[in-house]
Amino acid sequence: NSDCVLVAGGFGHRGVEGKIEAIKFARENNIPYLGICLGMQLALIEYLRNVVGIKEATSVEFDTNAKEPAIYLIEQFLDTAGVEQVRTTKSAMGGTMRLGSYPFESKPGSNLETAYGAGISSERHRHRYEANPEYKQRLEDAGMIITGESNGLIEVVEIPEHKWFTGVQFHPEFTSSLETPNPIIHEFMKAGKANR
């Protein structure tokens, strides 16, 4: 019995399949779920594999020759100053990360909007890989909705038919404390408490 499940951020392939099984368990048993960074990416992979039916969905972080790269290395993006950044698999890791605070807009009626309110909010990032927008329509057609975007990048995913299932690309723990938890963490804990 679990009140809720959280899969945190991280790097590398160690333990990934076990985390995907935990995500599947939370999804199938209607247990509140929060995926942070890698936890969001693995939620996408789990959903693509087990709901959409794309069994080879994975991340290029785990398989550089992935046939179904649901998570990929974004090679060009605008940094917080609006300057175009370029990165490749050969770039030094520290110089290839999306770092800092980026804005996103909340979709009406979403867990994200409940947490942050309507309009534009921003959160801090520290990651190298992104959700591949090529899979957006297939995810949404199958019931996983993109509820937050930033300059065309997928920031937040949710399953509206689930009790509370949210994955965020950003790191809400960076702006959280015991006295003042980050809004999305606060909503997740409320969902977990309600699930007792």
C-alpha atoms as a PDB file:
ATOM      1  CA  ASN A   1       0.000   0.000   0.000  1.00  0.00           C
ATOM      2  CA  SER A   2       1.313   3.404  -1.004  1.00  0.00           C
ATOM      3  CA  ASP A   3      -0.198   6.814  -0.372  1.00  0.00           C
ATOM      4  CA  CYS A   4       1.746   8.221  -3.311  1.00  0.00           C
ATOM      5  CA  VAL A   5       4.783   7.572  -5.502  1.00  0.00           C
ATOM      6  CA  LEU A   6       7.586   9.998  -6.403  1.00  0.00           C
ATOM      7  CA  VAL A   7      10.340   9.244  -8.919  1.00  0.00           C
ATOM      8  CA  ALA A   8      13.066  11.877  -8.627  1.00  0.00           C
ATOM      9  CA  GLY A   9      15.582  13.174 -11.119  1.00  0.00           C
ATOM     10  CA  GLY A  10      18.894  11.555 -11.919  1.00  0.00           C
ATOM     11  CA  PHE A  11      21.250  10.509 -14.689  1.00  0.00           C
ATOM     12  CA  GLY A  12      22.163   7.212 -16.301  1.00  0.00           C
ATOM     13  CA  HIS A  13      20.399   3.921 -16.888  1.00  0.00           C
ATOM     14  CA  ARG A  14      20.912   2.300 -13.481  1.00  0.00           C
ATOM     15  CA  GLY A  15      17.582   1.192 -11.996  1.00  0.00           C
ATOM     16  CA  VAL A  16      15.548   2.657 -14.854  1.00  0.00           C
ATOM     17  CA  GLU A  17      13.426  -0.421 -15.592  1.00  0.00           C
ATOM     18  CA  GLY A  18      12.512  -0.752 -11.901  1.00  0.00           C
ATOM     19  CA  LYS A  19      11.471   2.898 -11.818  1.00  0.00           C
ATOM     20  CA  ILE A  20       9.343   2.335 -14.922  1.00  0.00           C
ATOM     21  CA  GLU A  21       7.627  -0.577 -13.144  1.00  0.00           C
ATOM     22  CA  ALA A  22       6.932   1.671 -10.121  1.00  0.00           C
ATOM     23  CA  ILE A  23       5.406   4.283 -12.446  1.00  0.00           C
ATOM     24  CA  LYS A  24       3.266   1.627 -14.125  1.00  0.00           C
ATOM     25  CA  PHE A  25       2.094   0.423 -10.700  1.00  0.00           C
ATOM     26  CA  ALA A  26       1.107   3.961  -9.665  1.00  0.00           C
ATOM     27  CA  ARG A  27      -0.674   4.586 -12.967  1.00  0.00           C
ATOM     28  CA  GLU A  28      -2.562   1.280 -13.039  1.00  0.00           C
ATOM     29  CA  ASN A  29      -3.569   1.475  -9.356  1.00  0.00           C
ATOM     30  CA  ASN A  30      -4.626   5.140  -9.418  1.00  0.00           C
ATOM     31  CA  ILE A  31      -1.982   6.119  -6.846  1.00  0.00           C
ATOM     32  CA  PRO A  32      -0.929   9.807  -6.898  1.00  0.00           C
ATOM     33  CA  TYR A  33       2.343  10.159  -8.809  1.00  0.00           C
ATOM     34  CA  LEU A  34       4.911  12.921  -9.200  1.00  0.00           C
ATOM     35  CA  GLY A  35       7.815  12.469 -11.594  1.00  0.00           C
ATOM     36  CA  ILE A  36      10.623  15.022 -11.389  1.00  0.00           C
ATOM     37  CA  CYS A  37      12.953  15.472 -14.395  1.00  0.00           C
ATOM     38  CA  LEU A  38      14.028  11.862 -15.126  1.00  0.00           C
ATOM     39  CA  GLY A  39      10.829  10.801 -13.330  1.00  0.00           C
ATOM     40  CA  MET A  40       8.783  12.716 -15.912  1.00  0.00           C
ATOM     41  CA  GLN A  41      10.829  11.295 -18.774  1.00  0.00           C
ATOM     42  CA  LEU A  42      10.340   7.735 -17.506  1.00  0.00           C
ATOM     43  CA  ALA A  43       6.589   8.367 -17.119  1.00  0.00           C
ATOM     44  CA  LEU A  44       6.481   9.267 -20.819  1.00  0.00           C
ATOM     45  CA  ILE A  45       8.422   6.136 -21.726  1.00  0.00           C
ATOM     46  CA  GLU A  46       6.169   3.936 -19.552  1.00  0.00           C
ATOM     47  CA  TYR A  47       3.028   5.420 -21.102  1.00  0.00           C
ATOM     48  CA  LEU A  48       4.319   5.095 -24.653  1.00  0.00           C
ATOM     49  CA  ARG A  49       5.296   1.466 -24.067  1.00  0.00           C
ATOM     50  CA  ASN A  50       2.283   0.240 -22.125  1.00  0.00           C
ATOM     51  CA  VAL A  51      -0.614   2.446 -23.225  1.00  0.00           C
ATOM     52  CA  VAL A  52       0.295   3.733 -26.688  1.00  0.00           C
ATOM     53  CA  GLY A  53       1.949   0.423 -27.641  1.00  0.00           C
ATOM     54  CA  ILE A  54       5.385   1.688 -28.710  1.00  0.00           C
ATOM     55  CA  LYS A  55       7.361  -1.095 -27.013  1.00  0.00           C
ATOM     56  CA  GLU A  56      10.781   0.269 -28.043  1.00  0.00           C
ATOM     57  CA  ALA A  57      10.185   3.757 -26.585  1.00  0.00           C
ATOM     58  CA  THR A  58      13.270   4.824 -24.638  1.00  0.00           C
ATOM     59  CA  SER A  59      15.740   7.659 -24.109  1.00  0.00           C
ATOM     60  CA  VAL A  60      18.881   8.306 -26.121  1.00  0.00           C
ATOM     61  CA  GLU A  61      20.542   8.655 -22.722  1.00  0.00           C
ATOM     62  CA  PHE A  62      20.134   4.876 -22.346  1.00  0.00           C
ATOM     63  CA  ASP A  63      20.421   3.903 -26.033  1.00  0.00           C
ATOM     64  CA  THR A  64      22.157   6.318 -28.412  1.00  0.00           C
ATOM     65  CA  ASN A  65      20.758   4.347 -31.375  1.00  0.00           C
ATOM     66  CA  ALA A  66      17.173   4.292 -30.099  1.00  0.00           C
ATOM     67  CA  LYS A  67      14.571   3.406 -32.739  1.00  0.00           C
ATOM     68  CA  GLU A  68      11.903   5.225 -30.717  1.00  0.00           C
ATOM     69  CA  PRO A  69      13.671   8.174 -29.008  1.00  0.00           C
ATOM     70  CA  ALA A  70      10.891   9.459 -26.752  1.00  0.00           C
ATOM     71  CA  ILE A  71      13.545  11.393 -24.825  1.00  0.00           C
ATOM     72  CA  TYR A  72      16.302  12.998 -26.837  1.00  0.00           C
ATOM     73  CA  LEU A  73      19.227  15.388 -26.612  1.00  0.00           C
ATOM     74  CA  ILE A  74      17.973  18.746 -27.763  1.00  0.00           C
ATOM     75  CA  GLU A  75      20.728  20.290 -29.851  1.00  0.00           C
ATOM     76  CA  GLN A  76      19.520  23.886 -30.024  1.00  0.00           C
ATOM     77  CA  PHE A  77      17.598  25.957 -27.489  1.00  0.00           C
ATOM     78  CA  LEU A  78      17.392  29.508 -26.154  1.00  0.00           C
ATOM     79  CA  ASP A  79      18.966  30.070 -22.754  1.00  0.00           C
ATOM     80  CA  THR A  80      17.499  32.371 -20.085  1.00  0.00           C
ATOM     81  CA  ALA A  81      19.060  35.402 -21.800  1.00  0.00           C
ATOM     82  CA  GLY A  82      17.496  34.449 -25.150  1.00  0.00           C
ATOM     83  CA  VAL A  83      20.857  33.376 -26.604  1.00  0.00           C
ATOM     84  CA  GLU A  84      20.827  30.297 -28.828  1.00  0.00           C
ATOM     85  CA  GLN A  85      22.799  27.404 -27.328  1.00  0.00           C
ATOM     86  CA  VAL A  86      24.066  24.428 -29.332  1.00  0.00           C
ATOM     87  CA  ARG A  87      25.016  21.053 -27.890  1.00  0.00           C
ATOM     88  CA  THR A  88      25.764  17.588 -29.214  1.00  0.00           C
ATOM     89  CA  THR A  89      26.561  14.174 -27.784  1.00  0.00           C
ATOM     90  CA  LYS A  90      30.248  15.149 -28.055  1.00  0.00           C
ATOM     91  CA  SER A  91      29.848  18.344 -25.988  1.00  0.00           C
ATOM     92  CA  ALA A  92      31.151  18.406 -22.418  1.00  0.00           C
ATOM     93  CA  MET A  93      28.247  17.439 -20.148  1.00  0.00           C
ATOM     94  CA  GLY A  94      28.346  20.540 -17.937  1.00  0.00           C
ATOM     95  CA  GLY A  95      28.155  22.825 -20.954  1.00  0.00           C
ATOM     96  CA  THR A  96      25.263  20.948 -22.510  1.00  0.00           C
ATOM     97  CA  MET A  97      22.689  21.233 -19.764  1.00  0.00           C
ATOM     98  CA  ARG A  98      19.581  23.370 -19.687  1.00  0.00           C
ATOM     99  CA  LEU A  99      20.220  25.305 -16.488  1.00  0.00           C
ATOM    100  CA  GLY A 100      18.381  28.083 -14.705  1.00  0.00           C
ATOM    101  CA  SER A 101      14.829  29.328 -14.494  1.00  0.00           C
ATOM    102  CA  TYR A 102      12.529  29.084 -17.518  1.00  0.00           C
ATOM    103  CA  PRO A 103       8.915  30.232 -17.915  1.00  0.00           C
ATOM    104  CA  PHE A 104       6.012  27.918 -18.696  1.00  0.00           C
ATOM    105  CA  GLU A 105       2.301  28.405 -19.175  1.00  0.00           C
ATOM    106  CA  SER A 106      -0.259  26.283 -17.324  1.00  0.00           C
ATOM    107  CA  LYS A 107      -3.107  24.606 -19.178  1.00  0.00           C
ATOM    108  CA  PRO A 108      -6.532  25.505 -17.725  1.00  0.00           C
ATOM    109  CA  GLY A 109      -8.046  22.863 -15.452  1.00  0.00           C
ATOM    110  CA  SER A 110      -4.739  21.055 -14.862  1.00  0.00           C
ATOM    111  CA  ASN A 111      -2.949  20.035 -11.664  1.00  0.00           C
ATOM    112  CA  LEU A 112      -0.322  22.547 -12.777  1.00  0.00           C
ATOM    113  CA  GLU A 113      -2.861  25.382 -12.830  1.00  0.00           C
ATOM    114  CA  THR A 114      -4.201  24.303  -9.420  1.00  0.00           C
ATOM    115  CA  ALA A 115      -0.654  24.527  -8.049  1.00  0.00           C
ATOM    116  CA  TYR A 116       0.595  27.710  -9.735  1.00  0.00           C
ATOM    117  CA  GLY A 117      -2.534  29.530 -10.842  1.00  0.00           C
ATOM    118  CA  ALA A 118      -3.377  30.658 -14.358  1.00  0.00           C
ATOM    119  CA  GLY A 119      -0.838  32.231 -16.660  1.00  0.00           C
ATOM    120  CA  ILE A 120       2.928  32.072 -16.753  1.00  0.00           C
ATOM    121  CA  SER A 121       5.156  30.761 -13.975  1.00  0.00           C
ATOM    122  CA  SER A 122       8.803  29.761 -13.976  1.00  0.00           C
ATOM    123  CA  GLU A 123      10.873  27.019 -12.393  1.00  0.00           C
ATOM    124  CA  ARG A 124      14.517  26.005 -12.307  1.00  0.00           C
ATOM    125  CA  HIS A 125      16.057  23.373 -14.556  1.00  0.00           C
ATOM    126  CA  ARG A 126      19.099  21.129 -14.520  1.00  0.00           C
ATOM    127  CA  HIS A 127      18.952  18.536 -17.257  1.00  0.00           C
ATOM    128  CA  ARG A 128      20.446  17.495 -20.554  1.00  0.00           C
ATOM    129  CA  TYR A 129      17.629  15.541 -22.189  1.00  0.00           C
ATOM    130  CA  GLU A 130      14.135  16.621 -23.238  1.00  0.00           C
ATOM    131  CA  ALA A 131      10.840  14.970 -24.109  1.00  0.00           C
ATOM    132  CA  ASN A 132      10.665  14.534 -27.880  1.00  0.00           C
ATOM    133  CA  PRO A 133       7.736  16.646 -29.198  1.00  0.00           C
ATOM    134  CA  GLU A 134       7.320  14.162 -32.083  1.00  0.00           C
ATOM    135  CA  TYR A 135       5.392  11.957 -29.619  1.00  0.00           C
ATOM    136  CA  LYS A 136       3.112  14.695 -28.268  1.00  0.00           C
ATOM    137  CA  GLN A 137       0.054  13.916 -30.397  1.00  0.00           C
ATOM    138  CA  ARG A 138       0.231  10.163 -29.782  1.00  0.00           C
ATOM    139  CA  LEU A 139       0.505  10.745 -26.029  1.00  0.00           C
ATOM    140  CA  GLU A 140      -2.428  13.149 -25.993  1.00  0.00           C
ATOM    141  CA  ASP A 141      -4.570  10.895 -28.207  1.00  0.00           C
ATOM    142  CA  ALA A 142      -3.997   8.134 -25.612  1.00  0.00           C
ATOM    143  CA  GLY A 143      -4.833  10.334 -22.598  1.00  0.00           C
ATOM    144  CA  MET A 144      -1.526  11.804 -21.359  1.00  0.00           C
ATOM    145  CA  ILE A 145      -1.843  15.567 -21.767  1.00  0.00           C
ATOM    146  CA  ILE A 146       0.907  18.194 -22.050  1.00  0.00           C
ATOM    147  CA  THR A 147      -0.189  20.794 -19.479  1.00  0.00           C
ATOM    148  CA  GLY A 148       2.916  22.993 -19.440  1.00  0.00           C
ATOM    149  CA  GLU A 149       5.221  24.114 -22.250  1.00  0.00           C
ATOM    150  CA  SER A 150       8.169  26.485 -22.580  1.00  0.00           C
ATOM    151  CA  ASN A 151       9.141  27.714 -26.056  1.00  0.00           C
ATOM    152  CA  GLY A 152       7.822  24.479 -27.582  1.00  0.00           C
ATOM    153  CA  LEU A 153       9.539  22.239 -25.017  1.00  0.00           C
ATOM    154  CA  ILE A 154       7.411  19.859 -22.950  1.00  0.00           C
ATOM    155  CA  GLU A 155       7.577  20.951 -19.301  1.00  0.00           C
ATOM    156  CA  VAL A 156       4.675  19.119 -17.649  1.00  0.00           C
ATOM    157  CA  VAL A 157       2.548  16.050 -18.433  1.00  0.00           C
ATOM    158  CA  GLU A 158      -0.584  14.807 -16.684  1.00  0.00           C
ATOM    159  CA  ILE A 159      -3.172  12.046 -16.969  1.00  0.00           C
ATOM    160  CA  PRO A 160      -6.511  13.801 -16.311  1.00  0.00           C
ATOM    161  CA  GLU A 161      -8.385  10.497 -15.843  1.00  0.00           C
ATOM    162  CA  HIS A 162      -6.000   9.529 -13.025  1.00  0.00           C
ATOM    163  CA  LYS A 163      -6.510  10.605  -9.398  1.00  0.00           C
ATOM    164  CA  TRP A 164      -3.321  12.747  -9.575  1.00  0.00           C
ATOM    165  CA  PHE A 165      -0.550  11.943 -12.063  1.00  0.00           C
ATOM    166  CA  THR A 166       1.936  14.668 -12.960  1.00  0.00           C
ATOM    167  CA  GLY A 167       5.443  14.711 -14.390  1.00  0.00           C
ATOM    168  CA  VAL A 168       7.569  17.877 -14.438  1.00  0.00           C
ATOM    169  CA  GLN A 169      10.788  18.460 -16.371  1.00  0.00           C
ATOM    170  CA  PHE A 170      11.910  21.135 -13.905  1.00  0.00           C
ATOM    171  CA  HIS A 171      13.178  20.626 -10.349  1.00  0.00           C
ATOM    172  CA  PRO A 172      10.581  21.853  -7.816  1.00  0.00           C
ATOM    173  CA  GLU A 173      12.794  20.735  -4.927  1.00  0.00           C
ATOM    174  CA  PHE A 174      15.190  23.586  -5.823  1.00  0.00           C
ATOM    175  CA  THR A 175      12.632  26.144  -4.623  1.00  0.00           C
ATOM    176  CA  SER A 176      11.120  24.164  -1.770  1.00  0.00           C
ATOM    177  CA  SER A 177      11.619  24.202   1.987  1.00  0.00           C
ATOM    178  CA  LEU A 178       9.892  22.557   4.951  1.00  0.00           C
ATOM    179  CA  GLU A 179       8.106  25.806   5.771  1.00  0.00           C
ATOM    180  CA  THR A 180       7.277  26.709   2.168  1.00  0.00           C
ATOM    181  CA  PRO A 181       7.004  23.690  -0.120  1.00  0.00           C
ATOM    182  CA  ASN A 182       7.015  24.276  -3.856  1.00  0.00           C
ATOM    183  CA  PRO A 183       3.410  24.527  -5.164  1.00  0.00           C
ATOM    184  CA  ILE A 184       3.507  21.293  -7.198  1.00  0.00           C
ATOM    185  CA  ILE A 185       5.062  19.362  -4.295  1.00  0.00           C
ATOM    186  CA  HIS A 186       2.390  20.791  -1.983  1.00  0.00           C
ATOM    187  CA  GLU A 187      -0.403  19.618  -4.326  1.00  0.00           C
ATOM    188  CA  PHE A 188       1.242  16.189  -4.647  1.00  0.00           C
ATOM    189  CA  MET A 189       1.397  15.790  -0.871  1.00  0.00           C
ATOM    190  CA  LYS A 190      -2.256  16.840  -0.580  1.00  0.00           C
ATOM    191  CA  ALA A 191      -3.162  14.161  -3.152  1.00  0.00           C
ATOM    192  CA  GLY A 192      -1.144  11.568  -1.231  1.00  0.00           C
ATOM    193  CA  LYS A 193      -2.796  12.503   2.049  1.00  0.00           C
ATOM    194  CA  ALA A 194      -6.251  12.273   0.442  1.00  0.00           C
ATOM    195  CA  ASN A 195      -5.315   8.794  -0.838  1.00  0.00           C
ATOM    196  CA  ARG A 196      -4.639   7.362   2.664  1.00  0.00           C
END
